[in-house]
Amino acid sequence: MLLVACDKGEKNENQAPETLIVPKAINLSGDQRLKSTVRLAWFGADFDGFVSGYEFTQDQITWYYTTKTDSTFVFLIKEGQDTNDINFWVRSIDNTGLKDLTPAKLTIPIKNTPPNITLNKTLSTSDTALLVATLFWDANDPDGIDNLKGFQIKLNDGEWFDIPKKANNVSLTPADPTAISTTNAKVYLSASEEIGSLVGLKMNDTNSIYIRSFDLSQSYSELDTLSGLFFKGKNSDLLVIGGDRDRNSFYKQRISNVYPAYDYVDYTANDGADQPTFWNPTFTLMALQYEKLFIYSDKTTYLNDNTKKVSLILESAAESIEEYIAEGGKAFIIGYFNNPLDSQSNVLPVLNIERIDKNSKGLFLDQLPDALKSQESGYPDLGTNKFPETASPFEKTTDVISIYEGQFDQSFPYSGPKTLGIKKVNESTGKTFQVYVAASMADMNYDYSKVDSLFHHVLNVEFNW
């Protein structure tokens, strides 16, 4: 043992710690360079104390403190470059706060790795689109999400169009919804955010949509493609949404009797598989292409592939209907429920329902020619030859007008609200923009010509503005 003596009373000067990065050097070039995600380790030694922490930096100006001796770093490659040499320094700090005066340095040779992208075929419109197709994708970058710059899509043989990095979906609608051949496609990030247009959308024909991602070095991912997407055009100012699988034919016949042409979508087909995964924006943008909307629904619920929740069609569509009406649309809605509907259901405020009485469960309309008794001029009495359990009486909000009240089977004691139909008008113009009836029209079989009269009055009289 070597002893070093000092004079009595002499104080040793504190020595700075030393630092080492592992490895000391990375001698790689060309394709052998590292990816931008690198794990580094370091350690320090102090001969007259102990190391309490470390600081690291890439510019020797801004230092970051840590007590760890290793970490994973994602280094950025300068925009437009494919490779970069990253300088990295680490210095130890001893128990007195003294820092290594000669920090350890490592130069890290990194190279860019192209990003990747995949269309989500489960969530995207993939077969037939009536005026709106919504595309969803999953994307990442092996060099870190900060290295991803954005996305590009194109239609058929058109030009590439930039999509911002913040997006993971877009919706396409035709610039001319009545076009019979080729038109531009408007691009939306949401129902209210249009960001540009694509050229080359083929209406009433199949289309191919291509997508790719790109990073800061302008490296592009491989393409992903959605082929065979048929875009249907608009043939009427009325959109009809089928939501009662056992009565779809009945409602189509009623509409056909009073309206010369309409566009129809059956959202009960394939057990609801054709419903939009995201109703907003897909259904919202579709509805906004039309002046009038007729949507009817029974009490069946459907599983949504995105939310994994079961909902009534009217609940799924509620947000879209609200936005459609706010933008000046006119909505005719028919729907009844398994009484009482959940008081927190999002459809209640859209339908102007204050509450549904809990005692209305199991309630039957009476077998009368005026089972639905008119409360407003122009709305015919509607009758039934049976005792249907397909009505949902409710207490209306104060800003709507009652158009129908139900007459119920007296063998069932019920003293709750009897409203089964309302309309809502614009206060300044007096024009009707929403009509809701809470009973199945298929069960109003006393005289179906009266049901036709109701449809005519709503679609051709009330909505004729």
Protein backbone atom coordinates (compact mmCIF):
# COMPACT_ATOMS: atom_id res chain seq x y z
CA MET A 1 0.00 0.00 0.00
CA LEU A 2 1.38 3.39 -0.96
CA LEU A 3 0.67 6.06 1.61
CA VAL A 4 0.72 9.73 0.66
CA ALA A 5 1.38 12.00 3.62
CA CYS A 6 0.48 15.61 4.02
CA ASP A 7 1.30 18.23 6.56
CA LYS A 8 -0.97 18.47 9.53
CA GLY A 9 -3.83 20.81 8.85
CA GLU A 10 -3.46 20.65 5.02
CA LYS A 11 -6.78 20.05 3.19
CA ASN A 12 -6.91 17.88 0.01
CA GLU A 13 -8.45 19.64 -3.01
CA ASN A 14 -11.58 17.87 -4.32
CA GLN A 15 -10.99 16.09 -7.64
CA ALA A 16 -13.51 16.18 -10.48
CA PRO A 17 -15.09 12.88 -11.53
CA GLU A 18 -14.37 11.14 -14.83
CA THR A 19 -16.91 9.84 -17.36
CA LEU A 20 -16.93 7.15 -20.05
CA ILE A 21 -19.53 6.34 -22.72
CA VAL A 22 -19.93 2.73 -23.85
CA PRO A 23 -18.81 2.19 -26.56
CA LYS A 24 -16.07 4.76 -26.94
CA ALA A 25 -16.54 4.93 -30.72
CA ILE A 26 -18.99 3.75 -33.40
CA ASN A 27 -17.12 3.18 -36.65
CA LEU A 28 -19.94 2.57 -39.10
CA SER A 29 -20.67 4.06 -42.52
CA GLY A 30 -22.93 3.60 -45.53
CA ASP A 31 -25.80 1.16 -45.01
CA GLN A 32 -24.17 -0.04 -41.79
CA ARG A 33 -25.15 3.12 -39.95
CA LEU A 34 -27.49 2.88 -36.97
CA LYS A 35 -31.18 3.61 -36.97
CA SER A 36 -32.07 6.89 -35.32
CA THR A 37 -33.29 5.05 -32.20
CA VAL A 38 -30.12 4.28 -30.21
CA ARG A 39 -29.57 2.91 -26.71
CA LEU A 40 -26.52 4.39 -24.95
CA ALA A 41 -24.82 3.62 -21.65
CA TRP A 42 -22.24 5.49 -19.57
CA PHE A 43 -20.60 5.44 -16.16
CA GLY A 44 -18.50 7.70 -14.01
CA ALA A 45 -15.86 7.39 -11.30
CA ASP A 46 -14.83 9.73 -8.53
CA PHE A 47 -11.58 9.08 -6.63
CA ASP A 48 -12.42 11.08 -3.51
CA GLY A 49 -16.15 10.73 -3.24
CA PHE A 50 -18.97 9.26 -5.31
CA VAL A 51 -20.92 10.10 -8.47
CA SER A 52 -24.39 11.44 -7.69
CA GLY A 53 -25.69 12.01 -11.24
CA TYR A 54 -24.98 12.83 -14.87
CA GLU A 55 -25.73 15.46 -17.50
CA PHE A 56 -25.91 14.90 -21.24
CA THR A 57 -26.17 17.20 -24.24
CA GLN A 58 -26.02 17.33 -28.02
CA ASP A 59 -24.78 20.92 -28.29
CA GLN A 60 -22.78 21.55 -25.09
CA ILE A 61 -25.16 24.42 -24.36
CA THR A 62 -28.29 22.78 -23.00
CA TRP A 63 -27.54 19.99 -20.52
CA TYR A 64 -30.08 17.48 -19.18
CA TYR A 65 -29.70 15.91 -15.72
CA THR A 66 -30.29 12.24 -14.94
CA THR A 67 -29.34 9.67 -12.34
CA LYS A 68 -29.62 6.83 -14.88
CA THR A 69 -26.58 5.21 -16.48
CA ASP A 70 -28.34 4.30 -19.74
CA SER A 71 -31.24 5.44 -21.88
CA THR A 72 -32.80 5.11 -25.34
CA PHE A 73 -32.60 8.17 -27.57
CA VAL A 74 -34.44 9.03 -30.77
CA PHE A 75 -32.18 11.33 -32.76
CA LEU A 76 -33.62 13.49 -35.53
CA ILE A 77 -32.19 13.55 -39.01
CA LYS A 78 -32.10 16.99 -40.58
CA GLU A 79 -34.97 17.60 -42.96
CA GLY A 80 -34.06 16.59 -46.49
CA GLN A 81 -31.06 14.48 -45.42
CA ASP A 82 -30.79 10.71 -45.38
CA THR A 83 -27.94 10.45 -42.86
CA ASN A 84 -26.55 12.44 -39.96
CA ASP A 85 -23.69 12.35 -37.46
CA ILE A 86 -24.91 13.05 -33.94
CA ASN A 87 -22.47 14.38 -31.34
CA PHE A 88 -23.32 13.27 -27.81
CA TRP A 89 -21.60 14.33 -24.58
CA VAL A 90 -22.02 13.03 -21.02
CA ARG A 91 -20.42 14.36 -17.83
CA SER A 92 -20.49 13.02 -14.27
CA ILE A 93 -21.36 15.06 -11.20
CA ASP A 94 -19.89 14.11 -7.82
CA ASN A 95 -21.42 14.32 -4.38
CA THR A 96 -20.17 17.91 -3.93
CA GLY A 97 -21.67 19.08 -7.21
CA LEU A 98 -18.33 19.16 -9.07
CA LYS A 99 -18.72 18.24 -12.76
CA ASP A 100 -16.36 16.37 -15.07
CA LEU A 101 -14.25 19.02 -16.81
CA THR A 102 -13.66 16.75 -19.83
CA PRO A 103 -17.02 15.23 -20.72
CA ALA A 104 -17.04 11.98 -22.62
CA LYS A 105 -17.98 12.39 -26.28
CA LEU A 106 -19.43 9.95 -28.80
CA THR A 107 -20.20 10.56 -32.47
CA ILE A 108 -23.16 8.45 -33.55
CA PRO A 109 -23.61 7.76 -37.29
CA ILE A 110 -27.33 7.31 -38.04
CA LYS A 111 -29.36 6.78 -41.19
CA ASN A 112 -33.01 7.26 -42.02
CA THR A 113 -35.47 4.38 -42.22
CA PRO A 114 -38.55 4.89 -44.44
CA PRO A 115 -41.89 5.14 -42.61
CA ASN A 116 -44.78 2.76 -43.21
CA ILE A 117 -48.54 3.02 -43.55
CA THR A 118 -51.46 0.59 -43.78
CA LEU A 119 -55.07 1.31 -44.62
CA ASN A 120 -57.45 0.08 -41.95
CA LYS A 121 -59.84 -1.95 -44.10
CA THR A 122 -62.14 -2.66 -41.15
CA LEU A 123 -62.88 1.00 -40.47
CA SER A 124 -62.61 2.36 -44.03
CA THR A 125 -65.34 2.48 -46.66
CA SER A 126 -64.26 -0.43 -48.83
CA ASP A 127 -66.98 -1.46 -51.27
CA THR A 128 -69.70 1.04 -52.21
CA ALA A 129 -69.97 4.68 -51.22
CA LEU A 130 -73.04 6.88 -51.61
CA LEU A 131 -71.38 10.28 -52.04
CA VAL A 132 -68.93 9.79 -49.13
CA ALA A 133 -65.97 7.48 -48.55
CA THR A 134 -63.96 7.69 -45.33
CA LEU A 135 -60.47 6.19 -45.16
CA PHE A 136 -58.61 5.28 -41.96
CA TRP A 137 -54.98 4.27 -41.68
CA ASP A 138 -52.29 3.22 -39.23
CA ALA A 139 -48.81 4.69 -39.68
CA ASN A 140 -45.51 4.76 -37.84
CA ASP A 141 -41.84 5.51 -38.36
CA PRO A 142 -39.03 3.28 -37.05
CA ASP A 143 -37.02 6.47 -36.49
CA GLY A 144 -39.67 7.86 -34.15
CA ILE A 145 -42.97 9.62 -34.60
CA ASP A 146 -41.24 13.02 -34.64
CA ASN A 147 -39.51 11.95 -37.85
CA LEU A 148 -42.84 11.35 -39.62
CA LYS A 149 -43.82 14.41 -41.64
CA GLY A 150 -47.18 13.57 -43.21
CA PHE A 151 -49.22 11.54 -45.70
CA GLN A 152 -50.23 11.70 -49.34
CA ILE A 153 -53.21 10.26 -51.19
CA LYS A 154 -54.27 10.20 -54.81
CA LEU A 155 -57.25 9.03 -56.85
CA ASN A 156 -56.77 6.74 -59.82
CA ASP A 157 -54.23 8.44 -62.13
CA GLY A 158 -54.44 11.83 -60.42
CA GLU A 159 -51.81 13.85 -58.57
CA TRP A 160 -50.62 13.26 -55.01
CA PHE A 161 -52.31 15.36 -52.34
CA ASP A 162 -50.74 16.20 -48.95
CA ILE A 163 -52.51 15.21 -45.72
CA PRO A 164 -51.22 16.71 -42.45
CA LYS A 165 -49.49 14.53 -39.89
CA LYS A 166 -52.22 15.11 -37.30
CA ALA A 167 -54.74 13.13 -39.36
CA ASN A 168 -55.47 9.43 -39.31
CA ASN A 169 -58.51 9.60 -41.61
CA VAL A 170 -60.00 11.62 -44.44
CA SER A 171 -63.41 11.70 -46.11
CA LEU A 172 -63.94 12.22 -49.83
CA THR A 173 -67.10 13.65 -51.41
CA PRO A 174 -67.70 14.61 -55.06
CA ALA A 175 -67.43 18.30 -55.87
CA ASP A 176 -70.48 17.75 -58.10
CA PRO A 177 -72.68 15.13 -56.39
CA THR A 178 -74.90 14.84 -59.48
CA ALA A 179 -72.01 14.19 -61.89
CA ILE A 180 -72.42 11.10 -64.05
CA SER A 181 -68.80 10.73 -65.13
CA THR A 182 -65.65 12.32 -63.66
CA THR A 183 -65.43 15.14 -61.13
CA ASN A 184 -63.12 16.39 -58.40
CA ALA A 185 -63.29 14.98 -54.88
CA LYS A 186 -63.40 17.31 -51.89
CA VAL A 187 -61.14 16.23 -49.02
CA TYR A 188 -62.34 16.60 -45.41
CA LEU A 189 -60.55 16.04 -42.12
CA SER A 190 -63.92 16.37 -40.38
CA ALA A 191 -67.43 17.27 -41.47
CA SER A 192 -66.57 20.97 -41.01
CA GLU A 193 -62.91 20.99 -42.14
CA GLU A 194 -62.37 20.86 -45.90
CA ILE A 195 -58.69 20.99 -46.89
CA GLY A 196 -58.65 20.77 -50.68
CA SER A 197 -59.58 18.53 -53.57
CA LEU A 198 -58.38 15.58 -55.61
CA VAL A 199 -58.81 15.21 -59.35
CA GLY A 200 -60.14 12.17 -61.14
CA LEU A 201 -63.06 10.82 -59.08
CA LYS A 202 -65.12 8.51 -61.30
CA MET A 203 -68.82 8.67 -60.41
CA ASN A 204 -71.04 5.60 -60.77
CA ASP A 205 -67.86 3.63 -61.40
CA THR A 206 -65.05 1.94 -59.48
CA ASN A 207 -62.05 3.87 -58.17
CA SER A 208 -58.62 3.13 -56.75
CA ILE A 209 -57.24 5.22 -53.89
CA TYR A 210 -53.53 5.18 -53.05
CA ILE A 211 -51.89 6.31 -49.84
CA ARG A 212 -48.30 6.70 -48.62
CA SER A 213 -46.47 8.35 -45.73
CA PHE A 214 -43.25 10.36 -45.86
CA ASP A 215 -40.70 11.54 -43.32
CA LEU A 216 -38.44 14.53 -42.75
CA SER A 217 -35.81 13.17 -45.14
CA GLN A 218 -38.49 12.92 -47.86
CA SER A 219 -38.34 9.12 -47.78
CA TYR A 220 -41.66 7.53 -48.78
CA SER A 221 -43.34 4.41 -47.48
CA GLU A 222 -44.57 1.66 -49.73
CA LEU A 223 -48.02 2.35 -51.19
CA ASP A 224 -51.18 0.88 -49.80
CA THR A 225 -54.18 0.71 -52.12
CA LEU A 226 -57.95 0.55 -51.83
CA SER A 227 -59.27 -0.81 -55.12
CA GLY A 228 -62.74 -1.29 -56.52
CA LEU A 229 -64.46 1.47 -54.53
CA PHE A 230 -67.73 2.23 -56.32
CA PHE A 231 -68.93 5.83 -55.94
CA LYS A 232 -72.70 6.29 -56.29
CA GLY A 233 -74.00 9.71 -57.28
CA LYS A 234 -76.94 11.78 -56.09
CA ASN A 235 -80.30 11.37 -57.87
CA SER A 236 -82.68 13.35 -55.64
CA ASP A 237 -82.89 16.05 -53.00
CA LEU A 238 -84.22 13.43 -50.53
CA LEU A 239 -82.07 10.89 -48.67
CA VAL A 240 -83.89 7.94 -47.07
CA ILE A 241 -82.16 5.84 -44.40
CA GLY A 242 -83.64 2.39 -43.83
CA GLY A 243 -83.53 1.38 -40.18
CA ASP A 244 -86.36 -1.13 -39.64
CA ARG A 245 -85.36 -4.42 -41.24
CA ASP A 246 -88.83 -5.98 -41.16
CA ARG A 247 -90.53 -2.88 -42.55
CA ASN A 248 -88.03 -1.44 -45.03
CA SER A 249 -90.15 -2.42 -48.02
CA PHE A 250 -93.21 -0.84 -46.42
CA TYR A 251 -91.50 2.51 -45.93
CA LYS A 252 -89.98 2.49 -49.40
CA GLN A 253 -93.45 1.97 -50.83
CA ARG A 254 -94.89 4.83 -48.79
CA ILE A 255 -92.16 7.20 -50.01
CA SER A 256 -92.53 6.04 -53.61
CA ASN A 257 -96.26 6.83 -53.47
CA VAL A 258 -95.67 10.50 -52.69
CA TYR A 259 -92.13 11.35 -53.86
CA PRO A 260 -90.96 10.76 -57.43
CA ALA A 261 -87.32 9.90 -56.66
CA TYR A 262 -85.11 9.45 -53.63
CA ASP A 263 -81.72 7.99 -52.68
CA TYR A 264 -81.87 5.06 -50.30
CA VAL A 265 -79.40 3.38 -47.94
CA ASP A 266 -80.31 0.30 -45.90
CA TYR A 267 -78.43 0.41 -42.59
CA THR A 268 -80.02 -2.84 -41.38
CA ALA A 269 -78.43 -4.97 -44.12
CA ASN A 270 -75.96 -7.67 -43.06
CA ASP A 271 -76.91 -7.09 -39.44
CA GLY A 272 -75.81 -3.47 -39.67
CA ALA A 273 -72.41 -4.20 -41.26
CA ASP A 274 -72.96 -1.41 -43.82
CA GLN A 275 -73.38 1.26 -41.16
CA PRO A 276 -70.56 3.81 -40.94
CA THR A 277 -67.92 2.91 -38.39
CA PHE A 278 -67.69 6.62 -37.64
CA TRP A 279 -71.11 8.15 -38.31
CA ASN A 280 -69.57 11.55 -37.96
CA PRO A 281 -68.07 12.53 -40.38
CA THR A 282 -69.25 9.88 -42.89
CA PHE A 283 -73.01 10.07 -42.40
CA THR A 284 -72.90 13.79 -41.61
CA LEU A 285 -71.22 14.59 -44.94
CA MET A 286 -73.63 12.30 -46.77
CA ALA A 287 -76.71 13.93 -45.25
CA LEU A 288 -75.38 17.43 -45.96
CA GLN A 289 -75.56 16.69 -49.70
CA TYR A 290 -79.39 16.65 -49.45
CA GLU A 291 -82.12 19.17 -48.71
CA LYS A 292 -84.32 16.59 -46.98
CA LEU A 293 -83.61 13.56 -44.82
CA PHE A 294 -86.04 10.80 -43.86
CA ILE A 295 -84.67 8.33 -41.33
CA TYR A 296 -86.71 5.65 -39.59
CA SER A 297 -85.68 3.09 -37.02
CA ASP A 298 -87.08 0.36 -34.80
CA LYS A 299 -85.83 -0.71 -31.36
CA THR A 300 -83.04 -2.99 -32.67
CA THR A 301 -79.51 -2.19 -31.49
CA TYR A 302 -76.31 -2.79 -33.48
CA LEU A 303 -72.68 -3.31 -32.53
CA ASN A 304 -70.26 -0.60 -33.69
CA ASP A 305 -66.89 -1.99 -34.86
CA ASN A 306 -65.09 1.07 -33.55
CA THR A 307 -66.68 1.79 -30.17
CA LYS A 308 -67.62 -1.85 -29.48
CA LYS A 309 -70.90 -0.52 -28.07
CA VAL A 310 -74.44 -1.39 -29.10
CA SER A 311 -76.71 1.48 -30.09
CA LEU A 312 -79.97 2.23 -31.82
CA ILE A 313 -79.56 3.56 -35.34
CA LEU A 314 -81.06 6.86 -34.20
CA GLU A 315 -78.53 7.03 -31.35
CA SER A 316 -75.65 6.43 -33.76
CA ALA A 317 -77.00 9.07 -36.12
CA ALA A 318 -77.94 11.63 -33.44
CA GLU A 319 -74.83 13.84 -33.66
CA SER A 320 -75.01 13.86 -37.46
CA ILE A 321 -78.72 14.72 -37.48
CA GLU A 322 -78.06 17.60 -35.09
CA GLU A 323 -75.28 18.96 -37.32
CA TYR A 324 -77.38 18.44 -40.45
CA ILE A 325 -80.27 20.45 -38.99
CA ALA A 326 -77.88 23.17 -37.77
CA GLU A 327 -76.65 23.54 -41.36
CA GLY A 328 -80.19 24.12 -42.66
CA GLY A 329 -81.33 20.56 -43.37
CA LYS A 330 -84.91 19.31 -42.97
CA ALA A 331 -85.32 16.01 -41.10
CA PHE A 332 -88.32 13.68 -40.91
CA ILE A 333 -87.70 11.03 -38.23
CA ILE A 334 -89.72 7.97 -37.18
CA GLY A 335 -88.54 5.80 -34.31
CA TYR A 336 -89.73 3.91 -31.27
CA PHE A 337 -87.82 2.27 -28.45
CA ASN A 338 -87.81 -0.37 -25.76
CA ASN A 339 -89.48 1.92 -23.24
CA PRO A 340 -88.18 3.66 -21.36
CA LEU A 341 -85.08 4.79 -23.23
CA ASP A 342 -82.02 5.51 -21.09
CA SER A 343 -82.36 9.05 -19.76
CA GLN A 344 -78.73 9.71 -20.78
CA SER A 345 -79.28 8.67 -24.41
CA ASN A 346 -77.89 11.23 -26.84
CA VAL A 347 -80.95 10.92 -29.07
CA LEU A 348 -83.35 12.51 -26.56
CA PRO A 349 -82.30 16.16 -27.04
CA VAL A 350 -82.10 15.69 -30.82
CA LEU A 351 -85.70 14.44 -30.87
CA ASN A 352 -86.80 17.19 -28.44
CA ILE A 353 -87.78 14.69 -25.76
CA GLU A 354 -87.80 15.87 -22.17
CA ARG A 355 -88.40 12.39 -20.77
CA ILE A 356 -89.99 9.02 -21.49
CA ASP A 357 -92.25 7.77 -18.71
CA LYS A 358 -90.97 4.56 -17.12
CA ASN A 359 -94.55 3.30 -16.88
CA SER A 360 -94.90 3.31 -20.68
CA LYS A 361 -93.16 -0.06 -20.97
CA GLY A 362 -95.58 -2.63 -22.43
CA LEU A 363 -98.06 0.06 -23.45
CA PHE A 364 -100.39 -0.74 -26.40
CA LEU A 365 -102.08 1.65 -28.79
CA ASP A 366 -105.81 1.11 -28.87
CA GLN A 367 -107.56 -0.46 -31.86
CA LEU A 368 -109.05 2.78 -33.20
CA PRO A 369 -109.23 4.75 -36.45
CA ASP A 370 -107.57 7.62 -34.56
CA ALA A 371 -105.08 5.71 -32.41
CA LEU A 372 -102.72 8.54 -33.33
CA LYS A 373 -104.94 11.57 -32.94
CA SER A 374 -103.95 14.67 -34.88
CA GLN A 375 -103.14 17.81 -32.92
CA GLU A 376 -102.21 20.00 -35.89
CA SER A 377 -103.83 20.98 -39.18
CA GLY A 378 -102.57 18.96 -42.15
CA TYR A 379 -101.71 15.86 -40.12
CA PRO A 380 -104.31 13.08 -40.65
CA ASP A 381 -105.54 10.80 -37.87
CA LEU A 382 -103.79 7.44 -38.10
CA GLY A 383 -105.55 4.24 -37.06
CA THR A 384 -104.76 0.61 -36.39
CA ASN A 385 -106.65 -2.69 -36.56
CA LYS A 386 -104.43 -4.31 -33.94
CA PHE A 387 -102.90 -3.42 -30.60
CA PRO A 388 -99.31 -2.49 -31.50
CA GLU A 389 -96.56 -2.21 -28.89
CA THR A 390 -94.57 -0.01 -31.25
CA ALA A 391 -95.06 3.44 -29.78
CA SER A 392 -92.98 5.46 -27.31
CA PRO A 393 -95.01 8.30 -25.74
CA PHE A 394 -92.88 11.10 -24.34
CA GLU A 395 -92.94 14.46 -22.66
CA LYS A 396 -91.88 17.02 -25.26
CA THR A 397 -89.67 20.03 -24.76
CA THR A 398 -91.42 23.40 -24.61
CA ASP A 399 -90.04 24.71 -27.91
CA VAL A 400 -91.86 22.27 -30.20
CA ILE A 401 -95.44 21.82 -31.47
CA SER A 402 -97.43 18.65 -30.79
CA ILE A 403 -98.78 16.95 -33.92
CA TYR A 404 -99.92 13.56 -32.51
CA GLU A 405 -101.18 12.11 -29.24
CA GLY A 406 -101.75 8.42 -28.68
CA GLN A 407 -104.92 6.70 -27.53
CA PHE A 408 -103.91 3.70 -25.46
CA ASP A 409 -105.58 0.43 -24.51
CA GLN A 410 -107.60 1.14 -21.38
CA SER A 411 -106.86 -2.29 -19.90
CA PHE A 412 -103.36 -0.99 -19.21
CA PRO A 413 -103.47 1.75 -16.53
CA TYR A 414 -101.38 4.65 -17.78
CA SER A 415 -101.49 8.32 -16.86
CA GLY A 416 -98.18 9.54 -18.31
CA PRO A 417 -97.52 11.80 -21.31
CA LYS A 418 -99.33 10.84 -24.52
CA THR A 419 -97.33 12.82 -27.08
CA LEU A 420 -96.31 10.67 -30.07
CA GLY A 421 -95.40 13.32 -32.61
CA ILE A 422 -93.93 16.82 -32.73
CA LYS A 423 -92.69 19.33 -35.22
CA LYS A 424 -90.16 22.09 -34.79
CA VAL A 425 -90.33 25.39 -36.63
CA ASN A 426 -87.98 28.28 -37.19
CA GLU A 427 -89.09 31.08 -34.87
CA SER A 428 -88.29 33.86 -37.33
CA THR A 429 -89.70 32.28 -40.52
CA GLY A 430 -92.30 29.87 -39.16
CA LYS A 431 -90.93 27.16 -41.49
CA THR A 432 -90.93 23.55 -40.28
CA PHE A 433 -87.49 21.90 -40.31
CA GLN A 434 -88.00 18.82 -38.15
CA VAL A 435 -90.83 16.31 -37.69
CA TYR A 436 -90.65 13.34 -35.34
CA VAL A 437 -93.21 10.55 -34.86
CA ALA A 438 -92.59 7.97 -32.13
CA ALA A 439 -94.62 5.07 -33.57
CA SER A 440 -94.26 2.52 -36.33
CA MET A 441 -96.21 3.59 -39.43
CA ALA A 442 -96.42 -0.03 -40.58
CA ASP A 443 -98.77 -0.71 -37.69
CA MET A 444 -101.09 2.15 -38.69
CA ASN A 445 -102.94 -0.32 -40.95
CA TYR A 446 -106.45 1.03 -40.56
CA ASP A 447 -105.94 3.07 -43.73
CA TYR A 448 -102.50 3.25 -45.31
CA SER A 449 -103.63 6.07 -47.57
CA LYS A 450 -103.65 8.22 -44.40
CA VAL A 451 -100.03 7.27 -43.82
CA ASP A 452 -99.28 8.34 -47.39
CA SER A 453 -101.02 11.64 -46.63
CA LEU A 454 -98.72 12.14 -43.63
CA PHE A 455 -95.63 11.54 -45.76
CA HIS A 456 -96.93 13.87 -48.45
CA HIS A 457 -97.68 16.61 -45.95
CA VAL A 458 -94.25 16.47 -44.32
CA LEU A 459 -92.08 16.06 -47.43
CA ASN A 460 -94.05 18.11 -49.95
CA VAL A 461 -95.80 20.73 -47.81
CA GLU A 462 -93.98 21.30 -44.52
CA PHE A 463 -90.53 20.89 -46.14
CA ASN A 464 -91.40 22.76 -49.32
CA TRP A 465 -89.18 25.78 -48.71
